[in-house]
Protein backbone atom coordinates (compact mmCIF):
# COMPACT_ATOMS: atom_id res chain seq x y z
CA UNK A 1 1.43 17.81 10.83
CA UNK A 2 4.90 19.29 9.86
CA UNK A 3 5.12 23.70 9.03
CA UNK A 4 7.81 24.86 7.13
CA UNK A 5 8.79 28.43 6.91
CA UNK A 6 9.71 28.66 2.88
CA UNK A 7 11.72 31.64 1.18
CA UNK A 8 12.92 33.03 4.65
CA UNK A 9 16.80 33.88 4.52
CA UNK A 10 19.18 33.10 7.38
CA UNK A 11 19.11 35.78 9.66
CA UNK A 12 16.67 37.56 12.27
CA UNK A 13 14.07 39.89 12.16
CA UNK A 14 12.84 38.43 8.19
CA UNK A 15 9.87 36.86 9.76
CA UNK A 16 7.38 38.79 7.62
CA UNK A 17 8.78 37.55 3.87
CA UNK A 18 8.50 33.70 4.36
CA UNK A 19 5.53 31.27 3.72
CA UNK A 20 4.28 29.03 5.76
CA UNK A 21 3.82 25.19 3.96
CA UNK A 22 2.07 22.78 5.86
CA UNK A 23 1.94 19.17 5.16
CA UNK A 24 0.66 15.71 6.37
CA UNK A 25 0.36 12.43 6.26
CA UNK A 26 -2.60 9.47 6.46
CA UNK A 27 -3.13 5.96 5.73
CA UNK A 28 -6.52 7.04 4.28
CA UNK A 29 -7.50 8.27 0.95
CA UNK A 30 -8.70 11.86 0.94
CA UNK A 31 -12.24 10.77 0.12
CA UNK A 32 -13.01 8.65 3.16
CA UNK A 33 -10.81 11.80 5.12
CA UNK A 34 -13.20 14.01 3.10
CA UNK A 35 -16.20 11.62 4.47
CA UNK A 36 -14.96 11.05 7.92
CA UNK A 37 -17.32 14.15 9.51
CA UNK A 38 -19.85 16.63 7.38
CA UNK A 39 -17.51 19.16 8.47
CA UNK A 40 -14.49 18.09 7.36
CA UNK A 41 -13.63 20.40 4.56
CA UNK A 42 -15.03 23.10 6.55
CA UNK A 43 -12.32 22.08 9.56
CA UNK A 44 -8.86 21.91 6.94
CA UNK A 45 -9.73 25.43 6.00
CA UNK A 46 -10.19 26.42 9.54
CA UNK A 47 -6.73 25.02 10.51
CA UNK A 48 -5.13 26.15 7.17
CA UNK A 49 -6.22 29.68 8.56
CA UNK A 50 -5.62 29.19 12.04
CA UNK A 51 -2.32 28.14 12.01
CA UNK A 52 -1.72 31.16 9.21
CA UNK A 53 -0.62 28.13 6.26
CA UNK A 54 -0.67 29.54 2.88
CA UNK A 55 -0.26 26.14 1.37
CA UNK A 56 -1.62 23.02 3.00
CA UNK A 57 -0.59 19.41 1.20
CA UNK A 58 -2.63 16.02 2.60
CA UNK A 59 -0.65 13.19 1.41
CA UNK A 60 -2.75 10.20 1.34
CA UNK A 61 -0.60 6.51 1.26
CA UNK A 62 -3.11 3.62 1.79
CA UNK A 63 -4.15 -0.13 -0.18
CA UNK A 64 -7.44 0.17 -2.34
CA UNK A 65 -10.25 -3.50 -1.91
CA UNK A 66 -7.82 -4.74 -4.87
CA UNK A 67 -4.70 -4.16 -2.47
CA UNK A 68 -3.48 -1.84 -4.77
CA UNK A 69 -1.18 0.75 -3.50
CA UNK A 70 -2.85 4.49 -4.00
CA UNK A 71 -1.16 7.90 -3.67
CA UNK A 72 -2.87 11.20 -3.25
CA UNK A 73 -2.89 14.62 -2.44
CA UNK A 74 -5.23 17.44 -1.28
CA UNK A 75 -4.24 20.56 -1.86
CA UNK A 76 -5.62 23.81 -0.33
CA UNK A 77 -4.14 27.22 -0.53
CA UNK A 78 -4.93 30.59 0.90
CA UNK A 79 -5.69 32.03 -2.54
CA UNK A 80 -6.88 31.08 -6.10
CA UNK A 81 -3.73 32.88 -7.56
CA UNK A 82 -1.56 30.21 -5.48
CA UNK A 83 -3.52 27.31 -6.58
CA UNK A 84 -2.96 28.34 -10.18
CA UNK A 85 0.49 29.13 -9.61
CA UNK A 86 1.04 25.42 -8.15
CA UNK A 87 -1.18 24.20 -10.80
CA UNK A 88 1.02 25.66 -13.45
CA UNK A 89 3.98 23.48 -11.66
CA UNK A 90 2.55 20.74 -11.85
CA UNK A 91 1.60 20.89 -15.50
CA UNK A 92 4.63 22.39 -16.69
CA UNK A 93 6.55 19.19 -14.94
CA UNK A 94 3.64 16.78 -15.85
CA UNK A 95 6.18 14.34 -17.62
CA UNK A 96 7.86 13.51 -14.62
CA UNK A 97 5.07 14.10 -12.05
CA UNK A 98 2.05 11.13 -13.46
CA UNK A 99 -0.62 13.03 -12.08
CA UNK A 100 -4.59 12.48 -12.39
CA UNK A 101 -7.18 15.26 -10.81
CA UNK A 102 -9.88 13.64 -8.66
CA UNK A 103 -12.67 16.22 -9.38
CA UNK A 104 -14.67 15.48 -5.85
CA UNK A 105 -17.61 18.20 -6.65
CA UNK A 106 -17.82 20.67 -3.28
CA UNK A 107 -14.95 19.59 -1.91
CA UNK A 108 -11.80 22.00 -1.97
CA UNK A 109 -11.71 22.99 -5.52
CA UNK A 110 -10.65 26.55 -6.79
């Protein structure tokens, strides 16, 4: 897990102004991660809250049964507004970011 403090100008005393962003990579699908335990979703949210991470991105890279390489992102934001801003960014850059939404009912969704 990598945690980065974004928006923090150089120099001391500016800790309250930063935004913590966490990113981790895994070698299984997001569905497999979330199915690993009945409480996987709650554990992700708990980890995000306990580490004070405003935006958590889990990057998944794996091969499916047909040996096709797949990439997925699981994104968890601390607020609906932050998630809306991220989705707006993704939509605004859709031509450069060929993304598809994978709807998984009951999962980390706003």
